Amino acid sequence: MMEKPTGTQHSEVSMSRSYVVTGGGQGIGRAVVERLLNEAGTVVVIEFDQAALAWVNDHPAGSRVKAMVGDAADEKVTERAEDLAMDLGALTGWVNNAAVFRDASIHSAGAHTVLDLVALNLNPAVVGCATAIRRFLATGTLGAIVNLSSHQARQAVPGCTPYIIAKAAIEGLTRALAVEYGPHGIRVNAVAPGSVETERYEAFLGQQGPEAIARIEEEMRLLHPLGRVARAQEIADAIVYLLSDDASFINGATLPVDGGRSVLARDPEA
């Protein structure tokens, strides 16, 4: 059932664990939601695009998954999602996955345009972390947060300046919060994927001709030592692990889940 942030409702809280996943309508976010549901958790999905949430209405998990249409950078939205998650169970995990992919070069777009684009990716992570940490502190929860970074935070790609800046800042945010709130039992980590086979990736390939597709797929094979791009489920596996008790002593880390791309460090422009 899709809900919009129009108020606060409370009901009896079960003992199951609940989570909030931003940008959870498709791609990596959707894969994370499915993995958490498979683990018997309950999930609130924040998604800006209502059309990307149609699958929630008839999901086999039923009432264990709730969808909220809204901007993950809006604290009213995140706080409403937080309340819904608490209605579903004990809120123990938060995943900041929401992202916007808009390229710009600083010489042509201008500094303020670049800063605005940086904010589109950085603000949701900061707001999500703030919302989750406040609730964890208030309830004494040993909660976990996972932020989505990117291989681009350490390997710059020409023309992607706003995205690169935002993802590097998210890794800094992860370390800062891990240090400040670790003493409260709150863990904050990040995952940095390489290229991932998502709806966006498939749509990009669909716009290319056969020769271009073959060239792109060969380049992806060369960029990743494992010889292919990641499946969204593989990124989700790492995220869910970092949320779990099995990762109870991992804090302030950025985990590359890129098939060795960042180790190989092959220049895509070469």
C-alpha atoms as a PDB file:
ATOM      1  CA  MET A   1       0.000   0.000   0.000  1.00  0.00           C
ATOM      2  CA  MET A   2       1.385   3.395  -0.999  1.00  0.00           C
ATOM      3  CA  GLU A   3       1.100   6.238   1.465  1.00  0.00           C
ATOM      4  CA  LYS A   4       2.009   9.880   1.367  1.00  0.00           C
ATOM      5  CA  PRO A   5       3.459  11.737   4.374  1.00  0.00           C
ATOM      6  CA  THR A   6       0.241  13.281   5.715  1.00  0.00           C
ATOM      7  CA  GLY A   7       0.452  12.559   9.428  1.00  0.00           C
ATOM      8  CA  THR A   8       1.569  10.177  12.117  1.00  0.00           C
ATOM      9  CA  GLN A   9      -0.135   6.962  13.077  1.00  0.00           C
ATOM     10  CA  HIS A  10       0.901   4.491  15.739  1.00  0.00           C
ATOM     11  CA  SER A  11      -0.039   0.888  16.385  1.00  0.00           C
ATOM     12  CA  GLU A  12       1.266  -1.981  18.422  1.00  0.00           C
ATOM     13  CA  VAL A  13       4.895  -2.634  17.534  1.00  0.00           C
ATOM     14  CA  SER A  14       5.878  -6.222  16.905  1.00  0.00           C
ATOM     15  CA  MET A  15       9.234  -7.706  17.787  1.00  0.00           C
ATOM     16  CA  SER A  16      10.305  -8.030  14.146  1.00  0.00           C
ATOM     17  CA  ARG A  17      13.027  -5.791  12.798  1.00  0.00           C
ATOM     18  CA  SER A  18      12.088  -2.955  10.509  1.00  0.00           C
ATOM     19  CA  TYR A  19      14.121  -0.941   8.031  1.00  0.00           C
ATOM     20  CA  VAL A  20      13.881   2.135   5.852  1.00  0.00           C
ATOM     21  CA  VAL A  21      15.342   2.069   2.331  1.00  0.00           C
ATOM     22  CA  THR A  22      15.482   5.295   0.325  1.00  0.00           C
ATOM     23  CA  GLY A  23      15.330   5.092  -3.450  1.00  0.00           C
ATOM     24  CA  GLY A  24      13.955   1.589  -2.978  1.00  0.00           C
ATOM     25  CA  GLY A  25      11.622   1.454  -5.945  1.00  0.00           C
ATOM     26  CA  GLN A  26      14.072  -0.076  -8.389  1.00  0.00           C
ATOM     27  CA  GLY A  27      17.685  -1.058  -8.985  1.00  0.00           C
ATOM     28  CA  ILE A  28      19.924  -1.647  -5.983  1.00  0.00           C
ATOM     29  CA  GLY A  29      17.316  -0.221  -3.616  1.00  0.00           C
ATOM     30  CA  ARG A  30      14.647  -2.664  -4.779  1.00  0.00           C
ATOM     31  CA  ALA A  31      17.117  -5.541  -4.455  1.00  0.00           C
ATOM     32  CA  VAL A  32      17.867  -4.478  -0.859  1.00  0.00           C
ATOM     33  CA  VAL A  33      14.160  -4.390  -0.045  1.00  0.00           C
ATOM     34  CA  GLU A  34      13.667  -7.903  -1.428  1.00  0.00           C
ATOM     35  CA  ARG A  35      16.628  -9.259   0.551  1.00  0.00           C
ATOM     36  CA  LEU A  36      15.371  -7.721   3.781  1.00  0.00           C
ATOM     37  CA  LEU A  37      11.897  -9.128   3.193  1.00  0.00           C
ATOM     38  CA  ASN A  38      13.433 -12.545   2.563  1.00  0.00           C
ATOM     39  CA  GLU A  39      15.118 -12.197   5.960  1.00  0.00           C
ATOM     40  CA  ALA A  40      11.650 -11.790   7.520  1.00  0.00           C
ATOM     41  CA  GLY A  41      12.153  -8.091   8.114  1.00  0.00           C
ATOM     42  CA  THR A  42       9.646  -5.331   7.453  1.00  0.00           C
ATOM     43  CA  VAL A  43      10.536  -2.448   5.167  1.00  0.00           C
ATOM     44  CA  VAL A  44       9.393   1.096   4.428  1.00  0.00           C
ATOM     45  CA  VAL A  45      10.425   2.205   0.943  1.00  0.00           C
ATOM     46  CA  ILE A  46      10.911   5.898   0.169  1.00  0.00           C
ATOM     47  CA  GLU A  47      10.759   6.630  -3.547  1.00  0.00           C
ATOM     48  CA  PHE A  48      10.348   9.897  -5.440  1.00  0.00           C
ATOM     49  CA  ASP A  49       8.875   8.215  -8.523  1.00  0.00           C
ATOM     50  CA  GLN A  50       5.438   6.829  -7.707  1.00  0.00           C
ATOM     51  CA  ALA A  51       5.426   4.686 -10.857  1.00  0.00           C
ATOM     52  CA  ALA A  52       8.464   2.803  -9.516  1.00  0.00           C
ATOM     53  CA  LEU A  53       6.389   1.625  -6.542  1.00  0.00           C
ATOM     54  CA  ALA A  54       3.604  -0.183  -8.386  1.00  0.00           C
ATOM     55  CA  TRP A  55       5.077  -3.568  -7.426  1.00  0.00           C
ATOM     56  CA  VAL A  56       4.407  -2.900  -3.725  1.00  0.00           C
ATOM     57  CA  ASN A  57       0.628  -3.144  -4.089  1.00  0.00           C
ATOM     58  CA  ASP A  58       0.552  -6.880  -4.814  1.00  0.00           C
ATOM     59  CA  HIS A  59       3.834  -7.964  -3.221  1.00  0.00           C
ATOM     60  CA  PRO A  60       3.744 -11.398  -1.541  1.00  0.00           C
ATOM     61  CA  ALA A  61       5.127  -9.822   1.651  1.00  0.00           C
ATOM     62  CA  GLY A  62       1.835  -8.000   2.088  1.00  0.00           C
ATOM     63  CA  SER A  63       1.793  -5.663   5.084  1.00  0.00           C
ATOM     64  CA  ARG A  64       5.522  -6.191   5.739  1.00  0.00           C
ATOM     65  CA  VAL A  65       6.362  -3.691   2.994  1.00  0.00           C
ATOM     66  CA  LYS A  66       5.067  -0.113   2.857  1.00  0.00           C
ATOM     67  CA  ALA A  67       5.792   2.496   0.223  1.00  0.00           C
ATOM     68  CA  MET A  68       6.037   6.232   0.675  1.00  0.00           C
ATOM     69  CA  VAL A  69       6.123   8.671  -2.216  1.00  0.00           C
ATOM     70  CA  GLY A  70       8.369  11.597  -1.437  1.00  0.00           C
ATOM     71  CA  ASP A  71      11.778  13.251  -1.448  1.00  0.00           C
ATOM     72  CA  ALA A  72      14.340  11.482   0.753  1.00  0.00           C
ATOM     73  CA  ALA A  73      15.968  14.872   1.401  1.00  0.00           C
ATOM     74  CA  ASP A  74      12.776  16.119   3.098  1.00  0.00           C
ATOM     75  CA  GLU A  75      12.857  15.519   6.858  1.00  0.00           C
ATOM     76  CA  LYS A  76       9.060  15.435   6.998  1.00  0.00           C
ATOM     77  CA  VAL A  77       9.159  12.473   4.605  1.00  0.00           C
ATOM     78  CA  THR A  78      11.941  10.625   6.427  1.00  0.00           C
ATOM     79  CA  GLU A  79      10.328  11.167   9.816  1.00  0.00           C
ATOM     80  CA  ARG A  80       7.021   9.840   8.495  1.00  0.00           C
ATOM     81  CA  ALA A  81       8.841   6.807   7.106  1.00  0.00           C
ATOM     82  CA  GLU A  82      10.507   6.357  10.465  1.00  0.00           C
ATOM     83  CA  ASP A  83       7.118   6.362  12.207  1.00  0.00           C
ATOM     84  CA  LEU A  84       5.736   3.812   9.746  1.00  0.00           C
ATOM     85  CA  ALA A  85       8.758   1.584  10.289  1.00  0.00           C
ATOM     86  CA  MET A  86       8.252   1.738  14.046  1.00  0.00           C
ATOM     87  CA  ASP A  87       4.629   0.697  13.527  1.00  0.00           C
ATOM     88  CA  LEU A  88       5.890  -2.361  11.642  1.00  0.00           C
ATOM     89  CA  GLY A  89       8.598  -3.401  14.095  1.00  0.00           C
ATOM     90  CA  ALA A  90      11.705  -2.267  15.920  1.00  0.00           C
ATOM     91  CA  LEU A  91      13.590   0.108  13.612  1.00  0.00           C
ATOM     92  CA  THR A  92      17.145  -1.220  13.491  1.00  0.00           C
ATOM     93  CA  GLY A  93      18.466  -0.329  10.027  1.00  0.00           C
ATOM     94  CA  TRP A  94      18.454   2.480   7.480  1.00  0.00           C
ATOM     95  CA  VAL A  95      19.793   2.391   3.903  1.00  0.00           C
ATOM     96  CA  ASN A  96      20.545   5.670   2.104  1.00  0.00           C
ATOM     97  CA  ASN A  97      20.351   4.592  -1.521  1.00  0.00           C
ATOM     98  CA  ALA A  98      18.500   7.492  -3.199  1.00  0.00           C
ATOM     99  CA  ALA A  99      20.603   9.041  -5.969  1.00  0.00           C
ATOM    100  CA  VAL A 100      20.334  11.363  -8.954  1.00  0.00           C
ATOM    101  CA  PHE A 101      22.567  10.900 -12.001  1.00  0.00           C
ATOM    102  CA  ARG A 102      23.143  14.237 -13.694  1.00  0.00           C
ATOM    103  CA  ASP A 103      26.519  14.953 -15.259  1.00  0.00           C
ATOM    104  CA  ALA A 104      28.039  18.419 -15.462  1.00  0.00           C
ATOM    105  CA  SER A 105      31.433  20.002 -16.050  1.00  0.00           C
ATOM    106  CA  ILE A 106      32.274  22.931 -13.810  1.00  0.00           C
ATOM    107  CA  HIS A 107      33.634  25.170 -16.604  1.00  0.00           C
ATOM    108  CA  SER A 108      30.405  25.035 -18.601  1.00  0.00           C
ATOM    109  CA  ALA A 109      27.672  24.378 -16.034  1.00  0.00           C
ATOM    110  CA  GLY A 110      29.042  26.852 -13.487  1.00  0.00           C
ATOM    111  CA  ALA A 111      29.889  26.442  -9.834  1.00  0.00           C
ATOM    112  CA  HIS A 112      26.405  26.930  -8.415  1.00  0.00           C
ATOM    113  CA  THR A 113      24.854  24.418 -10.792  1.00  0.00           C
ATOM    114  CA  VAL A 114      27.471  21.883  -9.740  1.00  0.00           C
ATOM    115  CA  LEU A 115      26.784  22.631  -6.063  1.00  0.00           C
ATOM    116  CA  ASP A 116      23.050  22.178  -6.607  1.00  0.00           C
ATOM    117  CA  LEU A 117      23.682  18.816  -8.265  1.00  0.00           C
ATOM    118  CA  VAL A 118      25.991  17.779  -5.421  1.00  0.00           C
ATOM    119  CA  ALA A 119      23.178  18.550  -2.980  1.00  0.00           C
ATOM    120  CA  LEU A 120      20.745  16.303  -4.868  1.00  0.00           C
ATOM    121  CA  ASN A 121      22.909  13.307  -3.933  1.00  0.00           C
ATOM    122  CA  LEU A 122      24.408  14.421  -0.620  1.00  0.00           C
ATOM    123  CA  ASN A 123      21.339  15.870   1.101  1.00  0.00           C
ATOM    124  CA  PRO A 124      19.283  12.645   1.184  1.00  0.00           C
ATOM    125  CA  ALA A 125      22.163  10.805   2.860  1.00  0.00           C
ATOM    126  CA  VAL A 126      22.628  13.514   5.505  1.00  0.00           C
ATOM    127  CA  VAL A 127      18.891  13.746   6.192  1.00  0.00           C
ATOM    128  CA  GLY A 128      18.509   9.961   6.328  1.00  0.00           C
ATOM    129  CA  CYS A 129      21.418   9.591   8.736  1.00  0.00           C
ATOM    130  CA  ALA A 130      20.099  12.380  10.968  1.00  0.00           C
ATOM    131  CA  THR A 131      16.612  10.872  11.099  1.00  0.00           C
ATOM    132  CA  ALA A 132      17.847   7.360  11.866  1.00  0.00           C
ATOM    133  CA  ILE A 133      20.411   8.448  14.460  1.00  0.00           C
ATOM    134  CA  ARG A 134      17.903  10.573  16.367  1.00  0.00           C
ATOM    135  CA  ARG A 135      15.545   7.593  16.626  1.00  0.00           C
ATOM    136  CA  PHE A 136      18.313   5.150  17.554  1.00  0.00           C
ATOM    137  CA  LEU A 137      19.472   7.490  20.331  1.00  0.00           C
ATOM    138  CA  ALA A 138      15.934   8.055  21.600  1.00  0.00           C
ATOM    139  CA  THR A 139      15.172   4.339  21.795  1.00  0.00           C
ATOM    140  CA  GLY A 140      18.627   3.134  22.816  1.00  0.00           C
ATOM    141  CA  THR A 141      18.789   0.987  19.676  1.00  0.00           C
ATOM    142  CA  LEU A 142      22.055  -0.520  18.480  1.00  0.00           C
ATOM    143  CA  GLY A 143      21.159   0.520  14.954  1.00  0.00           C
ATOM    144  CA  ALA A 144      23.007   0.293  11.656  1.00  0.00           C
ATOM    145  CA  ILE A 145      23.117   2.658   8.691  1.00  0.00           C
ATOM    146  CA  VAL A 146      24.481   1.854   5.236  1.00  0.00           C
ATOM    147  CA  ASN A 147      25.190   4.668   2.790  1.00  0.00           C
ATOM    148  CA  LEU A 148      25.614   4.107  -0.942  1.00  0.00           C
ATOM    149  CA  SER A 149      28.862   5.454  -2.323  1.00  0.00           C
ATOM    150  CA  SER A 150      30.455   4.596  -5.664  1.00  0.00           C
ATOM    151  CA  HIS A 151      33.786   3.578  -7.146  1.00  0.00           C
ATOM    152  CA  GLN A 152      33.757   7.112  -8.583  1.00  0.00           C
ATOM    153  CA  ALA A 153      34.420   8.534  -5.118  1.00  0.00           C
ATOM    154  CA  ARG A 154      38.012   7.346  -5.593  1.00  0.00           C
ATOM    155  CA  GLN A 155      38.266   6.946  -9.366  1.00  0.00           C
ATOM    156  CA  ALA A 156      37.035  10.074 -11.055  1.00  0.00           C
ATOM    157  CA  VAL A 157      35.285   9.874 -14.419  1.00  0.00           C
ATOM    158  CA  PRO A 158      35.391  12.995 -16.637  1.00  0.00           C
ATOM    159  CA  GLY A 159      32.134  14.941 -16.736  1.00  0.00           C
ATOM    160  CA  CYS A 160      30.738  13.428 -13.526  1.00  0.00           C
ATOM    161  CA  THR A 161      32.019  16.065 -11.104  1.00  0.00           C
ATOM    162  CA  PRO A 162      28.821  16.594  -9.024  1.00  0.00           C
ATOM    163  CA  TYR A 163      28.282  12.867  -8.486  1.00  0.00           C
ATOM    164  CA  ILE A 164      31.950  12.311  -7.600  1.00  0.00           C
ATOM    165  CA  ILE A 165      31.963  15.151  -5.066  1.00  0.00           C
ATOM    166  CA  ALA A 166      28.756  13.909  -3.451  1.00  0.00           C
ATOM    167  CA  LYS A 167      29.914  10.318  -3.155  1.00  0.00           C
ATOM    168  CA  ALA A 168      33.291  11.346  -1.705  1.00  0.00           C
ATOM    169  CA  ALA A 169      31.415  13.479   0.832  1.00  0.00           C
ATOM    170  CA  ILE A 170      29.147  10.549   1.696  1.00  0.00           C
ATOM    171  CA  GLU A 171      32.207   8.456   2.508  1.00  0.00           C
ATOM    172  CA  GLY A 172      33.458  11.274   4.757  1.00  0.00           C
ATOM    173  CA  LEU A 173      30.023  11.493   6.363  1.00  0.00           C
ATOM    174  CA  THR A 174      30.133   7.750   7.003  1.00  0.00           C
ATOM    175  CA  ARG A 175      33.471   7.982   8.824  1.00  0.00           C
ATOM    176  CA  ALA A 176      32.465  11.054  10.837  1.00  0.00           C
ATOM    177  CA  LEU A 177      29.212   9.539  12.083  1.00  0.00           C
ATOM    178  CA  ALA A 178      30.840   6.179  12.822  1.00  0.00           C
ATOM    179  CA  VAL A 179      33.281   7.899  15.159  1.00  0.00           C
ATOM    180  CA  GLU A 180      30.735  10.174  16.813  1.00  0.00           C
ATOM    181  CA  TYR A 181      27.986   7.621  17.362  1.00  0.00           C
ATOM    182  CA  GLY A 182      29.922   4.374  17.661  1.00  0.00           C
ATOM    183  CA  PRO A 183      30.062   4.847  21.464  1.00  0.00           C
ATOM    184  CA  HIS A 184      26.254   4.664  21.416  1.00  0.00           C
ATOM    185  CA  GLY A 185      26.342   1.332  19.584  1.00  0.00           C
ATOM    186  CA  ILE A 186      25.313   2.885  16.265  1.00  0.00           C
ATOM    187  CA  ARG A 187      27.264   1.606  13.265  1.00  0.00           C
ATOM    188  CA  VAL A 188      27.588   3.572  10.023  1.00  0.00           C
ATOM    189  CA  ASN A 189      29.152   2.016   6.937  1.00  0.00           C
ATOM    190  CA  ALA A 190      29.115   2.507   3.179  1.00  0.00           C
ATOM    191  CA  VAL A 191      29.135   0.300   0.102  1.00  0.00           C
ATOM    192  CA  ALA A 192      30.874   1.438  -3.095  1.00  0.00           C
ATOM    193  CA  PRO A 193      29.657  -0.462  -6.173  1.00  0.00           C
ATOM    194  CA  GLY A 194      31.245  -0.451  -9.596  1.00  0.00           C
ATOM    195  CA  SER A 195      28.950  -0.698 -12.608  1.00  0.00           C
ATOM    196  CA  VAL A 196      25.692  -2.521 -11.851  1.00  0.00           C
ATOM    197  CA  GLU A 197      23.096  -4.146 -14.080  1.00  0.00           C
ATOM    198  CA  THR A 198      20.025  -2.104 -13.146  1.00  0.00           C
ATOM    199  CA  GLU A 199      17.029  -0.730 -15.045  1.00  0.00           C
ATOM    200  CA  ARG A 200      19.045   2.418 -15.719  1.00  0.00           C
ATOM    201  CA  TYR A 201      21.944   0.400 -17.152  1.00  0.00           C
ATOM    202  CA  GLU A 202      19.607  -1.655 -19.335  1.00  0.00           C
ATOM    203  CA  ALA A 203      17.847   1.499 -20.565  1.00  0.00           C
ATOM    204  CA  PHE A 204      21.218   2.991 -21.506  1.00  0.00           C
ATOM    205  CA  LEU A 205      22.144  -0.097 -23.513  1.00  0.00           C
ATOM    206  CA  GLY A 206      18.719  -0.059 -25.129  1.00  0.00           C
ATOM    207  CA  GLN A 207      19.474   3.340 -26.622  1.00  0.00           C
ATOM    208  CA  GLN A 208      22.579   2.016 -28.389  1.00  0.00           C
ATOM    209  CA  GLY A 209      23.040   0.181 -31.655  1.00  0.00           C
ATOM    210  CA  PRO A 210      24.464  -3.376 -31.806  1.00  0.00           C
ATOM    211  CA  GLU A 211      28.053  -2.240 -32.388  1.00  0.00           C
ATOM    212  CA  ALA A 212      27.933   0.256 -29.548  1.00  0.00           C
ATOM    213  CA  ILE A 213      26.439  -2.335 -27.191  1.00  0.00           C
ATOM    214  CA  ALA A 214      29.221  -4.780 -28.034  1.00  0.00           C
ATOM    215  CA  ARG A 215      31.832  -2.082 -27.432  1.00  0.00           C
ATOM    216  CA  ILE A 216      30.319  -1.065 -24.083  1.00  0.00           C
ATOM    217  CA  GLU A 217      30.038  -4.646 -22.874  1.00  0.00           C
ATOM    218  CA  GLU A 218      33.661  -5.306 -23.830  1.00  0.00           C
ATOM    219  CA  GLU A 219      34.742  -2.165 -21.960  1.00  0.00           C
ATOM    220  CA  MET A 220      32.798  -3.285 -18.897  1.00  0.00           C
ATOM    221  CA  ARG A 221      34.526  -6.664 -19.100  1.00  0.00           C
ATOM    222  CA  LEU A 222      37.928  -4.972 -19.179  1.00  0.00           C
ATOM    223  CA  LEU A 223      37.109  -2.550 -16.346  1.00  0.00           C
ATOM    224  CA  HIS A 224      36.046  -5.313 -13.937  1.00  0.00           C
ATOM    225  CA  PRO A 225      38.562  -8.107 -13.242  1.00  0.00           C
ATOM    226  CA  LEU A 226      35.670 -10.535 -12.794  1.00  0.00           C
ATOM    227  CA  GLY A 227      34.776  -9.823 -16.395  1.00  0.00           C
ATOM    228  CA  ARG A 228      31.269  -8.411 -15.980  1.00  0.00           C
ATOM    229  CA  VAL A 229      29.161  -5.795 -14.240  1.00  0.00           C
ATOM    230  CA  ALA A 230      27.508  -6.590 -10.920  1.00  0.00           C
ATOM    231  CA  ARG A 231      23.988  -7.845 -10.421  1.00  0.00           C
ATOM    232  CA  ALA A 232      21.916  -5.618  -8.146  1.00  0.00           C
ATOM    233  CA  GLN A 233      21.367  -8.580  -5.832  1.00  0.00           C
ATOM    234  CA  GLU A 234      25.127  -8.832  -5.239  1.00  0.00           C
ATOM    235  CA  ILE A 235      25.266  -5.245  -4.001  1.00  0.00           C
ATOM    236  CA  ALA A 236      22.180  -5.874  -1.865  1.00  0.00           C
ATOM    237  CA  ASP A 237      23.847  -8.893  -0.256  1.00  0.00           C
ATOM    238  CA  ALA A 238      26.716  -6.706   0.960  1.00  0.00           C
ATOM    239  CA  ILE A 239      24.370  -4.010   2.254  1.00  0.00           C
ATOM    240  CA  VAL A 240      22.192  -6.475   4.164  1.00  0.00           C
ATOM    241  CA  TYR A 241      25.316  -8.068   5.644  1.00  0.00           C
ATOM    242  CA  LEU A 242      26.470  -4.685   6.983  1.00  0.00           C
ATOM    243  CA  LEU A 243      23.032  -4.177   8.546  1.00  0.00           C
ATOM    244  CA  SER A 244      23.179  -7.558  10.257  1.00  0.00           C
ATOM    245  CA  ASP A 245      24.548  -8.682  13.601  1.00  0.00           C
ATOM    246  CA  ASP A 246      27.203 -10.635  11.701  1.00  0.00           C
ATOM    247  CA  ALA A 247      28.834  -7.265  10.957  1.00  0.00           C
ATOM    248  CA  SER A 248      28.602  -6.074  14.563  1.00  0.00           C
ATOM    249  CA  PHE A 249      32.246  -4.895  14.706  1.00  0.00           C
ATOM    250  CA  ILE A 250      32.371  -3.222  11.288  1.00  0.00           C
ATOM    251  CA  ASN A 251      32.036   0.525  11.649  1.00  0.00           C
ATOM    252  CA  GLY A 252      33.185   3.474   9.536  1.00  0.00           C
ATOM    253  CA  ALA A 253      34.135   1.256   6.602  1.00  0.00           C
ATOM    254  CA  THR A 254      33.535   1.762   2.905  1.00  0.00           C
ATOM    255  CA  LEU A 255      33.272  -1.660   1.303  1.00  0.00           C
ATOM    256  CA  PRO A 256      34.089  -1.840  -2.419  1.00  0.00           C
ATOM    257  CA  VAL A 257      31.660  -4.215  -4.149  1.00  0.00           C
ATOM    258  CA  ASP A 258      32.988  -3.682  -7.636  1.00  0.00           C
ATOM    259  CA  GLY A 259      34.454  -6.985  -8.784  1.00  0.00           C
ATOM    260  CA  GLY A 260      37.968  -5.557  -8.340  1.00  0.00           C
ATOM    261  CA  ARG A 261      37.405  -2.507 -10.542  1.00  0.00           C
ATOM    262  CA  SER A 262      38.923  -0.092  -8.030  1.00  0.00           C
ATOM    263  CA  VAL A 263      41.942  -2.366  -7.562  1.00  0.00           C
ATOM    264  CA  LEU A 264      42.604  -2.700 -11.278  1.00  0.00           C
ATOM    265  CA  ALA A 265      42.069   1.065 -11.669  1.00  0.00           C
ATOM    266  CA  ARG A 266      41.897   0.866 -15.452  1.00  0.00           C
ATOM    267  CA  ASP A 267      41.301   4.263 -17.030  1.00  0.00           C
ATOM    268  CA  PRO A 268      37.963   4.090 -18.889  1.00  0.00           C
ATOM    269  CA  GLU A 269      39.179   6.886 -21.146  1.00  0.00           C
ATOM    270  CA  ALA A 270      42.304   5.018 -22.178  1.00  0.00           C
END
